[in-house]
Protein backbone atom coordinates (compact mmCIF):
# COMPACT_ATOMS: atom_id res chain seq x y z
CA ILE A 1 -181.84 -130.30 38.82
CA SER A 2 -184.22 -132.77 40.61
CA GLU A 3 -182.93 -136.29 41.11
CA ASP A 4 -186.03 -137.87 39.51
CA VAL A 5 -185.42 -136.11 36.22
CA ILE A 6 -182.70 -136.96 33.68
CA VAL A 7 -181.46 -133.79 31.90
CA GLU A 8 -179.18 -133.84 28.87
CA ILE A 9 -177.56 -131.04 26.83
CA VAL A 10 -177.40 -132.02 23.19
CA ASP A 11 -176.11 -130.90 19.86
CA THR A 12 -179.00 -129.21 18.02
CA GLU A 13 -177.91 -130.92 14.77
CA THR A 14 -177.00 -134.42 15.82
CA GLY A 15 -178.80 -134.81 19.06
CA ARG A 16 -175.63 -136.27 20.57
CA GLN A 17 -174.92 -135.37 24.23
CA LEU A 18 -172.43 -132.55 24.75
CA GLU A 19 -169.78 -132.23 27.47
CA THR A 20 -170.68 -130.46 30.79
CA GLY A 21 -170.47 -126.63 30.26
CA ALA A 22 -171.04 -126.77 26.56
CA THR A 23 -174.26 -124.86 25.18
CA GLY A 24 -176.96 -127.03 23.55
CA GLU A 25 -180.56 -127.88 23.72
CA ILE A 26 -182.12 -129.10 26.82
CA VAL A 27 -183.60 -132.60 26.55
CA ALA A 28 -185.55 -133.88 29.65
CA THR A 29 -186.66 -137.35 30.66
CA ASN A 30 -188.88 -138.42 33.56
CA PHE A 31 -190.75 -141.65 34.43
CA SER A 32 -193.72 -139.90 36.07
CA LYS A 33 -196.77 -142.28 35.99
CA VAL A 34 -198.86 -139.07 35.60
CA PHE A 35 -197.09 -137.38 32.75
CA PRO A 36 -193.93 -139.40 31.65
CA MET A 37 -191.59 -137.87 29.09
CA ILE A 38 -188.76 -139.73 27.18
CA ARG A 39 -186.02 -137.41 25.78
CA PHE A 40 -188.41 -134.41 25.44
CA ALA A 41 -186.65 -131.72 23.45
CA THR A 42 -187.48 -128.33 25.00
CA GLY A 43 -186.16 -126.08 22.31
CA ASP A 44 -184.34 -124.16 24.98
CA LEU A 45 -180.63 -123.52 24.88
CA SER A 46 -178.65 -123.93 28.13
CA TYR A 47 -175.63 -125.68 29.74
CA LEU A 48 -174.87 -127.89 32.75
CA ILE A 49 -172.93 -126.77 35.90
CA GLU A 50 -171.00 -129.26 38.01
CA GLU A 51 -169.94 -127.01 40.86
CA THR A 52 -171.72 -127.30 44.23
CA CYS A 53 -174.53 -124.92 44.69
CA PRO A 54 -174.04 -122.17 47.22
CA CYS A 55 -177.14 -123.57 49.15
CA GLY A 56 -175.00 -126.81 49.60
CA ARG A 57 -176.82 -129.12 47.16
CA THR A 58 -174.33 -131.34 45.12
CA SER A 59 -176.65 -132.33 42.21
CA MET A 60 -175.91 -131.04 38.72
CA ARG A 61 -177.39 -127.57 38.05
CA LEU A 62 -178.73 -125.97 34.80
CA GLY A 63 -177.39 -122.66 33.58
CA ARG A 64 -179.48 -119.81 32.50
CA ILE A 65 -181.67 -119.95 29.33
CA LEU A 66 -179.67 -118.53 26.57
CA GLY A 67 -182.17 -118.53 23.76
CA ARG A 68 -184.13 -120.91 21.53
CA THR A 69 -183.01 -123.48 18.99
CA ASP A 70 -185.06 -121.71 16.37
CA GLN A 71 -183.11 -118.53 16.85
CA VAL A 72 -179.80 -120.21 16.02
CA THR A 73 -178.28 -119.50 12.63
CA LYS A 74 -175.51 -121.24 10.98
CA VAL A 75 -172.92 -119.10 8.98
CA TRP A 76 -169.87 -120.57 7.31
CA GLY A 77 -170.47 -123.75 9.31
CA ILE A 78 -170.39 -121.86 12.63
CA PHE A 79 -173.59 -121.53 14.85
CA ILE A 80 -174.42 -118.06 15.82
CA HIS A 81 -176.51 -117.63 19.05
CA PRO A 82 -178.39 -114.47 19.91
CA TRP A 83 -176.86 -114.33 23.39
CA GLN A 84 -173.36 -114.22 21.72
CA VAL A 85 -174.49 -111.17 19.75
CA ASP A 86 -175.55 -109.64 23.13
CA ASP A 87 -172.20 -110.41 24.60
CA VAL A 88 -170.49 -108.61 21.82
CA MET A 89 -172.58 -105.51 21.84
CA THR A 90 -172.56 -104.94 25.71
CA LYS A 91 -169.02 -103.93 25.22
CA PHE A 92 -170.04 -100.92 23.16
CA PRO A 93 -172.24 -98.44 25.30
CA GLU A 94 -172.54 -96.09 22.31
CA VAL A 95 -174.94 -98.63 20.62
CA ALA A 96 -178.64 -98.28 21.15
CA ASN A 97 -179.93 -101.18 18.82
CA TYR A 98 -178.53 -103.79 16.54
CA GLN A 99 -179.39 -106.59 14.32
CA ILE A 100 -177.39 -109.20 12.35
CA VAL A 101 -178.64 -109.94 8.73
CA VAL A 102 -177.29 -113.02 6.92
CA THR A 103 -177.74 -113.22 3.12
CA ARG A 104 -175.92 -115.09 0.31
CA LYS A 105 -173.92 -113.46 -2.62
CA GLU A 106 -172.38 -115.49 -5.23
CA TYR A 107 -172.90 -118.74 -3.28
CA ARG A 108 -171.06 -117.23 -0.18
CA ASP A 109 -172.60 -116.38 3.18
CA GLN A 110 -172.45 -112.69 4.17
CA MET A 111 -173.14 -111.40 7.61
CA ILE A 112 -173.79 -107.70 8.27
CA MET A 113 -174.27 -106.15 11.69
CA TYR A 114 -176.60 -103.09 11.37
CA ILE A 115 -176.14 -100.67 14.34
CA GLU A 116 -178.06 -97.75 15.69
CA LEU A 117 -176.17 -95.32 17.73
CA LYS A 118 -177.40 -93.48 20.78
CA GLU A 119 -175.99 -90.41 19.45
CA THR A 120 -173.76 -89.29 16.51
CA ILE A 121 -170.07 -89.82 17.15
CA ALA A 122 -167.11 -88.24 15.40
CA ASP A 123 -165.08 -91.43 14.63
CA GLN A 124 -167.42 -93.99 13.41
CA THR A 125 -164.60 -95.78 11.46
CA SER A 126 -162.80 -96.65 14.67
CA LEU A 127 -165.92 -98.00 16.36
CA LYS A 128 -166.74 -100.02 13.26
CA ARG A 129 -163.30 -101.67 13.29
CA LYS A 130 -163.58 -102.41 17.09
CA VAL A 131 -167.06 -103.99 16.65
CA GLU A 132 -165.81 -106.14 13.59
CA ARG A 133 -162.79 -107.36 15.64
CA GLU A 134 -165.09 -108.38 18.51
CA ILE A 135 -167.42 -110.13 16.24
CA GLU A 136 -164.74 -112.24 14.78
CA GLU A 137 -163.29 -112.90 18.29
CA VAL A 138 -166.46 -113.99 19.79
CA LEU A 139 -168.66 -115.28 16.99
CA LYS A 140 -165.61 -116.79 15.06
CA VAL A 141 -167.08 -115.46 11.88
CA LYS A 142 -166.12 -112.26 9.99
CA GLY A 143 -168.91 -109.77 9.67
CA GLN A 144 -169.24 -106.22 8.29
CA VAL A 145 -170.59 -103.36 10.37
CA GLU A 146 -172.97 -100.82 8.91
CA PHE A 147 -174.48 -97.84 10.89
CA VAL A 148 -178.19 -96.99 10.31
CA GLN A 149 -180.21 -93.98 11.49
CA ARG A 150 -182.20 -94.22 14.68
CA GLY A 151 -185.40 -96.28 13.92
CA GLY A 152 -183.81 -97.97 10.89
CA ILE A 153 -184.15 -101.45 12.68
CA PRO A 154 -187.89 -102.22 13.08
CA ASP A 155 -189.23 -102.78 16.53
CA ARG A 156 -189.25 -106.38 17.66
CA ALA A 157 -187.07 -107.38 14.80
CA LYS A 158 -185.14 -110.61 15.01
CA LYS A 159 -181.76 -110.25 16.57
CA ILE A 160 -180.52 -112.55 13.70
CA ASP A 161 -182.31 -112.27 10.52
CA ASP A 162 -181.44 -115.09 8.13
CA ARG A 163 -182.44 -113.91 4.63
CA ARG A 164 -180.86 -116.65 2.56
CA ILE A 165 -183.02 -118.51 0.14
CA TRP A 166 -182.85 -122.24 0.24
CA VAL A 167 -183.85 -124.08 -2.95
CA PRO A 168 -185.67 -127.48 -2.59
CA ARG A 169 -184.35 -130.21 -4.88
CA LEU A 170 -185.91 -133.58 -5.49
CA MET A 171 -183.68 -136.66 -5.64
CA GLY A 172 -183.22 -137.60 -9.23
CA THR A 173 -181.29 -136.37 -12.23
CA ILE A 174 -181.47 -132.62 -13.09
CA ALA A 175 -180.97 -132.46 -16.91
CA ASP A 176 -179.97 -128.87 -16.80
CA SER A 177 -180.55 -125.76 -14.72
CA LEU A 178 -180.74 -122.07 -15.16
CA HIS A 179 -179.70 -119.03 -12.97
CA ASP A 180 -182.16 -116.40 -12.32
CA ASP A 181 -181.45 -112.69 -11.78
CA LYS A 182 -180.64 -113.38 -8.10
CA GLY A 183 -178.04 -115.99 -8.83
CA LEU A 184 -180.16 -118.90 -7.71
CA ILE A 185 -180.14 -122.30 -9.40
CA TRP A 186 -183.49 -123.69 -10.44
CA PRO A 187 -184.09 -126.94 -12.19
CA ARG A 188 -185.35 -126.53 -15.72
CA SER A 189 -186.34 -130.18 -16.09
CA VAL A 190 -186.17 -133.00 -13.70
CA ALA A 191 -186.14 -136.74 -14.64
CA PRO A 192 -188.82 -139.10 -13.28
CA PHE A 193 -188.39 -139.36 -9.50
CA ASP A 194 -186.24 -142.27 -8.42
CA ARG A 195 -188.78 -144.19 -6.29
CA GLY A 196 -186.34 -146.76 -5.32
CA ALA A 197 -184.71 -143.98 -3.18
CA GLY A 198 -187.81 -143.35 -1.32
CA ARG A 199 -190.11 -140.34 -1.33
CA ARG A 200 -187.63 -138.03 0.47
CA GLN A 201 -187.26 -134.42 -0.54
CA LEU A 202 -183.93 -132.90 0.36
CA ARG A 203 -183.33 -129.20 0.96
CA TRP A 204 -180.05 -128.11 -0.45
CA CYS A 205 -178.31 -124.79 -0.06
CA VAL A 206 -177.55 -123.49 -3.49
CA GLY A 207 -173.90 -123.50 -2.72
CA CYS A 208 -173.91 -127.23 -1.87
CA ARG A 209 -175.04 -128.15 -5.34
């Protein structure tokens, strides 16, 4: 890292600086007279390295880019990164393609890993259990594994596909609500907006109601 640039690694939710070695968003500051930047959020995920570079330089180094902040998904309060999914699946050479799909059922997050195999194997049950154990160990979240036919995962599909539906809710009093056939909560009638609270609109997960 150049000495005339200040680089921070921050928590993607709070913006607070993280300790050296922790993964977070790269935020850069420089005081260039031509193009100054003050805490510019790059959207890239990486980490800082303290060890001296093999070339002999002793300044802080930036690790490899691990992904983008818009690819991060939160499941059961835990952030899941695409690079973590890659780390899991590189341990299984039988796998040709994979995708994680996150949904909600009865107000609870569900995570399923869909896997395409390079070729049919006799003992899929054993492989399924091994992958599920590795998911829990690396991602710190339990997930199910389901095998699909080759081509079942679309080309250029998101590595983590978040299909949860988030219901917007205005600040104010909800007189009552109803459940639709998908189990979502929708306001039937809303009292006049509380202007004293400001014109903010909050996005609530249906499970946080």
